[in-house]
Amino acid sequence: SLLGRGAMGTVYQAKQISLDRLVALKTIRTRLADNPASLARFTREAYAAAQLTHHNVVQIYDFGEDNGLHFFSMEWVRGGPLDHLIREKGRLEPRIAISYAVQAARGLQFAHQHGMVHRDIKPANLLMCHNENGDGARIKLADYGMASFVGVDNLVRGRCGTPGFVAPEILLTGINGGYGNKVDMFSAGVTMYVMLAGYEPFYGESDAELIDANREAKVDFPHADWHAISLEGRDLIERMLVVDPAKRIGPA
């Protein structure tokens, strides 16, 4: 059955007969052999996620190509993307938002310990996992299409990310400049803001204005929307959205 469609392909629910388990099967529409950029992204996502086995990270079981169709076989997560829940609820209860943020940070900490930087943390790339035993929901990091391993200098290179969520140093770094894994914590801070407020902290009438606001990272907490949120919660977000990555908190 169809689970969803994305920029690169389509995701179906399928059954892996050999292990008698349901999986999510992501198929890539583009002929990757004719599209080096898409092939590089597919390879990066497959290799990156295959290295990570953690309860807050969606696990990839297998990947490959069959008759020109590239695919991932990955863990099927019951619950859907976090952005769907935010649109439905408007905003999340603080205790739920904090729980999800903590779980996302655990997944990031594990990825960072293994030299991986996600580079596209946002509600659409966090999946809610409703446990079969009824003990609530977990958050799992998904979509490693922009992920990369740090180099020998502990830096990553390349401009990527989603405007409004991307860390300022990615926008400020020169073409060949590098940045560290704390870019993920900035994006996680934006995500936490969205969970609590129901809207993004940075705004622009155009993409250029949005990117400028994102780069400056000036954050407001309008009283009408934030009066019920603890000062500690706001302080945590501010510490995650510090422009200087050297002063930004990490996931640990």
Protein backbone atom coordinates (compact mmCIF):
# COMPACT_ATOMS: atom_id res chain seq x y z
CA SER A 1 0.00 0.00 0.00
CA LEU A 2 1.11 3.57 -0.67
CA LEU A 3 2.59 5.42 2.34
CA GLY A 4 3.71 8.63 0.67
CA ARG A 5 5.47 10.44 -2.17
CA GLY A 6 8.56 12.62 -1.98
CA ALA A 7 10.81 14.64 -4.23
CA MET A 8 12.83 11.61 -5.30
CA GLY A 9 10.45 8.70 -5.07
CA THR A 10 7.53 6.83 -3.58
CA VAL A 11 7.26 4.88 -0.33
CA TYR A 12 5.12 1.75 -0.04
CA GLN A 13 4.32 -0.60 2.79
CA ALA A 14 5.46 -4.10 1.90
CA LYS A 15 6.09 -7.44 3.56
CA GLN A 16 9.49 -9.07 3.72
CA ILE A 17 8.48 -12.70 3.33
CA SER A 18 11.80 -14.22 4.43
CA LEU A 19 11.61 -12.56 7.87
CA ASP A 20 7.82 -12.21 8.04
CA ARG A 21 7.90 -8.48 8.82
CA LEU A 22 6.39 -5.32 7.39
CA VAL A 23 8.82 -2.85 5.87
CA ALA A 24 8.71 0.52 4.16
CA LEU A 25 9.93 0.23 0.58
CA LYS A 26 11.22 3.48 -0.89
CA THR A 27 11.56 3.39 -4.67
CA ILE A 28 13.41 6.03 -6.67
CA ARG A 29 11.67 7.28 -9.81
CA THR A 30 14.72 8.87 -11.42
CA ARG A 31 17.10 6.81 -13.52
CA LEU A 32 20.04 7.33 -11.20
CA ALA A 33 22.62 6.31 -13.76
CA ASP A 34 21.59 9.38 -15.78
CA ASN A 35 21.48 11.70 -12.77
CA PRO A 36 24.79 11.86 -10.85
CA ALA A 37 23.40 14.16 -8.14
CA SER A 38 20.47 11.84 -7.38
CA LEU A 39 22.75 8.81 -7.48
CA ALA A 40 25.11 10.48 -5.01
CA ARG A 41 22.19 11.29 -2.69
CA PHE A 42 20.84 7.74 -2.91
CA THR A 43 24.25 6.26 -2.16
CA ARG A 44 24.86 8.70 0.71
CA GLU A 45 21.48 8.02 2.32
CA ALA A 46 21.82 4.26 1.99
CA TYR A 47 25.37 4.12 3.32
CA ALA A 48 24.72 6.63 6.09
CA ALA A 49 21.60 5.06 7.56
CA ALA A 50 22.97 1.54 7.17
CA GLN A 51 25.70 2.47 9.67
CA LEU A 52 23.25 3.54 12.37
CA THR A 53 21.37 1.09 14.57
CA HIS A 54 19.60 2.99 17.33
CA HIS A 55 16.01 3.08 18.57
CA ASN A 56 15.74 6.78 17.64
CA VAL A 57 16.97 6.26 14.06
CA VAL A 58 15.01 4.62 11.26
CA GLN A 59 16.94 1.52 10.26
CA ILE A 60 17.65 0.60 6.65
CA TYR A 61 17.64 -3.17 6.13
CA ASP A 62 18.67 -3.38 2.49
CA PHE A 63 19.17 -1.27 -0.61
CA GLY A 64 19.96 -1.92 -4.21
CA GLU A 65 18.76 -1.90 -7.80
CA ASP A 66 16.44 -4.17 -9.72
CA ASN A 67 15.75 -3.70 -13.44
CA GLY A 68 16.74 -0.03 -13.24
CA LEU A 69 14.61 0.64 -10.15
CA HIS A 70 16.59 1.72 -7.08
CA PHE A 71 15.09 1.00 -3.69
CA PHE A 72 15.53 1.02 0.08
CA SER A 73 13.98 -1.57 2.34
CA MET A 74 13.68 0.06 5.74
CA GLU A 75 11.97 -0.13 9.09
CA TRP A 76 8.26 0.58 8.85
CA VAL A 77 7.39 3.22 11.43
CA ARG A 78 3.79 3.36 12.58
CA GLY A 79 2.73 6.95 13.28
CA GLY A 80 3.78 9.13 10.35
CA PRO A 81 5.89 12.30 10.11
CA LEU A 82 5.88 14.74 13.01
CA ASP A 83 4.83 17.65 10.77
CA HIS A 84 1.49 15.91 10.14
CA LEU A 85 0.77 15.87 13.88
CA ILE A 86 1.76 19.54 14.25
CA ARG A 87 -0.59 20.54 11.42
CA GLU A 88 -3.37 18.52 13.02
CA LYS A 89 -2.86 19.86 16.56
CA GLY A 90 -1.60 23.35 15.80
CA ARG A 91 1.02 22.94 18.51
CA LEU A 92 2.06 20.19 20.90
CA GLU A 93 1.73 20.06 24.65
CA PRO A 94 5.05 21.13 26.23
CA ARG A 95 5.64 17.75 27.89
CA ILE A 96 5.16 15.97 24.55
CA ALA A 97 7.36 18.44 22.65
CA ILE A 98 10.14 18.12 25.22
CA SER A 99 9.91 14.33 25.13
CA TYR A 100 10.18 14.31 21.34
CA ALA A 101 13.07 16.79 21.42
CA VAL A 102 14.96 14.64 23.92
CA GLN A 103 14.48 11.52 21.80
CA ALA A 104 15.61 13.33 18.65
CA ALA A 105 18.69 14.55 20.55
CA ARG A 106 19.50 10.97 21.55
CA GLY A 107 19.37 9.91 17.92
CA LEU A 108 21.59 12.83 16.95
CA GLN A 109 24.04 12.07 19.72
CA PHE A 110 24.37 8.50 18.45
CA ALA A 111 24.82 9.69 14.85
CA HIS A 112 27.43 12.26 15.88
CA GLN A 113 29.33 9.67 17.90
CA HIS A 114 29.60 7.67 14.68
CA GLY A 115 30.87 10.64 12.68
CA MET A 116 27.55 11.32 10.97
CA VAL A 117 25.86 14.71 10.48
CA HIS A 118 22.20 14.66 9.36
CA ARG A 119 22.01 18.25 8.00
CA ASP A 120 18.23 18.29 7.42
CA ILE A 121 16.52 17.96 10.79
CA LYS A 122 12.92 19.21 10.58
CA PRO A 123 9.47 17.89 11.55
CA ALA A 124 8.98 16.19 8.17
CA ASN A 125 12.14 14.11 8.78
CA LEU A 126 11.16 12.97 12.28
CA LEU A 127 8.86 9.95 12.33
CA MET A 128 6.60 9.04 15.23
CA CYS A 129 6.85 5.41 16.21
CA HIS A 130 3.85 4.05 18.10
CA ASN A 131 5.05 1.00 19.96
CA GLU A 132 3.15 -2.22 19.63
CA ASN A 133 3.24 -2.69 23.42
CA GLY A 134 1.29 0.52 23.95
CA ASP A 135 3.93 2.47 25.89
CA GLY A 136 3.52 5.63 23.79
CA ALA A 137 5.43 7.04 20.85
CA ARG A 138 9.10 7.35 20.01
CA ILE A 139 10.69 9.73 17.58
CA LYS A 140 13.02 8.37 14.92
CA LEU A 141 15.35 10.33 12.66
CA ALA A 142 14.64 9.65 9.00
CA ASP A 143 15.73 10.74 5.50
CA TYR A 144 19.51 10.79 5.43
CA GLY A 145 19.65 12.12 1.86
CA MET A 146 21.67 15.16 2.98
CA ALA A 147 23.74 13.33 5.60
CA SER A 148 27.50 13.22 5.50
CA PHE A 149 30.43 11.90 7.48
CA VAL A 150 32.79 14.43 9.03
CA GLY A 151 36.27 14.63 7.53
CA VAL A 152 39.60 14.14 9.26
CA ASP A 153 39.30 17.74 10.47
CA ASN A 154 35.88 16.95 12.05
CA LEU A 155 34.19 19.24 9.53
CA VAL A 156 31.58 18.72 6.82
CA ARG A 157 31.45 20.64 3.55
CA GLY A 158 28.68 21.55 1.15
CA ARG A 159 25.65 23.81 1.30
CA CYS A 160 22.40 22.00 2.02
CA GLY A 161 19.42 22.01 4.33
CA THR A 162 15.93 23.48 4.40
CA PRO A 163 15.51 27.29 4.52
CA GLY A 164 14.12 28.28 7.88
CA PHE A 165 15.75 25.28 9.59
CA VAL A 166 19.33 25.35 8.31
CA ALA A 167 22.13 26.44 10.66
CA PRO A 168 23.57 29.92 9.94
CA GLU A 169 27.12 28.61 9.52
CA ILE A 170 26.03 26.58 6.50
CA LEU A 171 24.65 29.78 4.94
CA LEU A 172 27.70 31.82 5.95
CA THR A 173 30.41 29.32 5.03
CA GLY A 174 32.26 29.83 1.76
CA ILE A 175 32.04 27.36 -1.10
CA ASN A 176 34.90 25.22 0.22
CA GLY A 177 34.48 26.09 3.88
CA GLY A 178 33.55 23.57 6.54
CA TYR A 179 31.32 23.37 9.60
CA GLY A 180 30.75 20.96 12.47
CA ASN A 181 27.99 18.65 13.61
CA LYS A 182 26.28 21.30 15.75
CA VAL A 183 24.37 22.33 12.62
CA ASP A 184 21.95 19.56 13.62
CA MET A 185 21.31 21.12 17.03
CA PHE A 186 20.33 24.43 15.44
CA SER A 187 17.80 22.64 13.21
CA ALA A 188 16.56 20.68 16.22
CA GLY A 189 16.07 23.99 18.05
CA VAL A 190 13.93 25.31 15.19
CA THR A 191 11.97 22.06 15.27
CA MET A 192 11.37 22.38 19.01
CA TYR A 193 10.18 25.97 18.50
CA VAL A 194 7.72 24.76 15.84
CA MET A 195 6.43 21.99 18.10
CA LEU A 196 5.69 24.47 20.90
CA ALA A 197 4.45 27.44 18.83
CA GLY A 198 2.95 25.82 15.75
CA TYR A 199 4.94 28.08 13.39
CA GLU A 200 8.57 28.65 12.44
CA PRO A 201 10.72 31.27 14.22
CA PHE A 202 12.06 32.83 11.01
CA TYR A 203 9.86 34.52 8.43
CA GLY A 204 10.26 36.15 5.02
CA GLU A 205 7.96 37.28 2.22
CA SER A 206 10.35 35.58 -0.22
CA ASP A 207 12.93 32.81 -0.10
CA ALA A 208 15.66 35.44 0.02
CA GLU A 209 14.06 37.18 3.01
CA LEU A 210 13.55 33.86 4.77
CA ILE A 211 17.20 32.93 4.27
CA ASP A 212 18.31 36.35 5.55
CA ALA A 213 16.17 35.93 8.69
CA ASN A 214 17.46 32.38 9.08
CA ARG A 215 21.06 33.60 8.78
CA GLU A 216 20.60 36.29 11.44
CA ALA A 217 18.68 33.87 13.70
CA LYS A 218 16.95 36.51 15.82
CA VAL A 219 14.29 34.67 17.79
CA ASP A 220 11.16 36.18 19.33
CA PHE A 221 8.78 34.58 21.80
CA PRO A 222 5.47 36.48 21.44
CA HIS A 223 3.74 36.55 24.81
CA ALA A 224 0.39 35.46 23.37
CA ASP A 225 1.90 32.17 22.18
CA TRP A 226 4.63 31.60 24.76
CA HIS A 227 3.25 32.76 28.11
CA ALA A 228 2.38 29.20 29.09
CA ILE A 229 5.85 27.85 28.17
CA SER A 230 8.37 27.75 31.00
CA LEU A 231 11.38 30.07 31.00
CA GLU A 232 13.54 26.94 31.03
CA GLY A 233 11.95 25.78 27.76
CA ARG A 234 12.56 29.11 26.08
CA ASP A 235 16.10 29.22 27.44
CA LEU A 236 16.82 25.79 25.99
CA ILE A 237 15.62 26.85 22.55
CA GLU A 238 17.71 30.03 22.71
CA ARG A 239 20.78 27.95 23.59
CA MET A 240 20.11 25.69 20.60
CA LEU A 241 19.62 28.66 18.24
CA VAL A 242 22.86 30.47 19.09
CA VAL A 243 24.46 31.71 15.86
CA ASP A 244 28.00 30.88 17.01
CA PRO A 245 28.27 27.07 16.94
CA ALA A 246 31.11 27.20 19.48
CA LYS A 247 28.59 28.58 22.01
CA ARG A 248 25.67 26.36 20.93
CA ILE A 249 24.78 23.39 23.11
CA GLY A 250 25.25 19.86 21.81
CA PRO A 251 22.90 16.86 22.03
CA ALA A 252 24.56 15.31 25.11
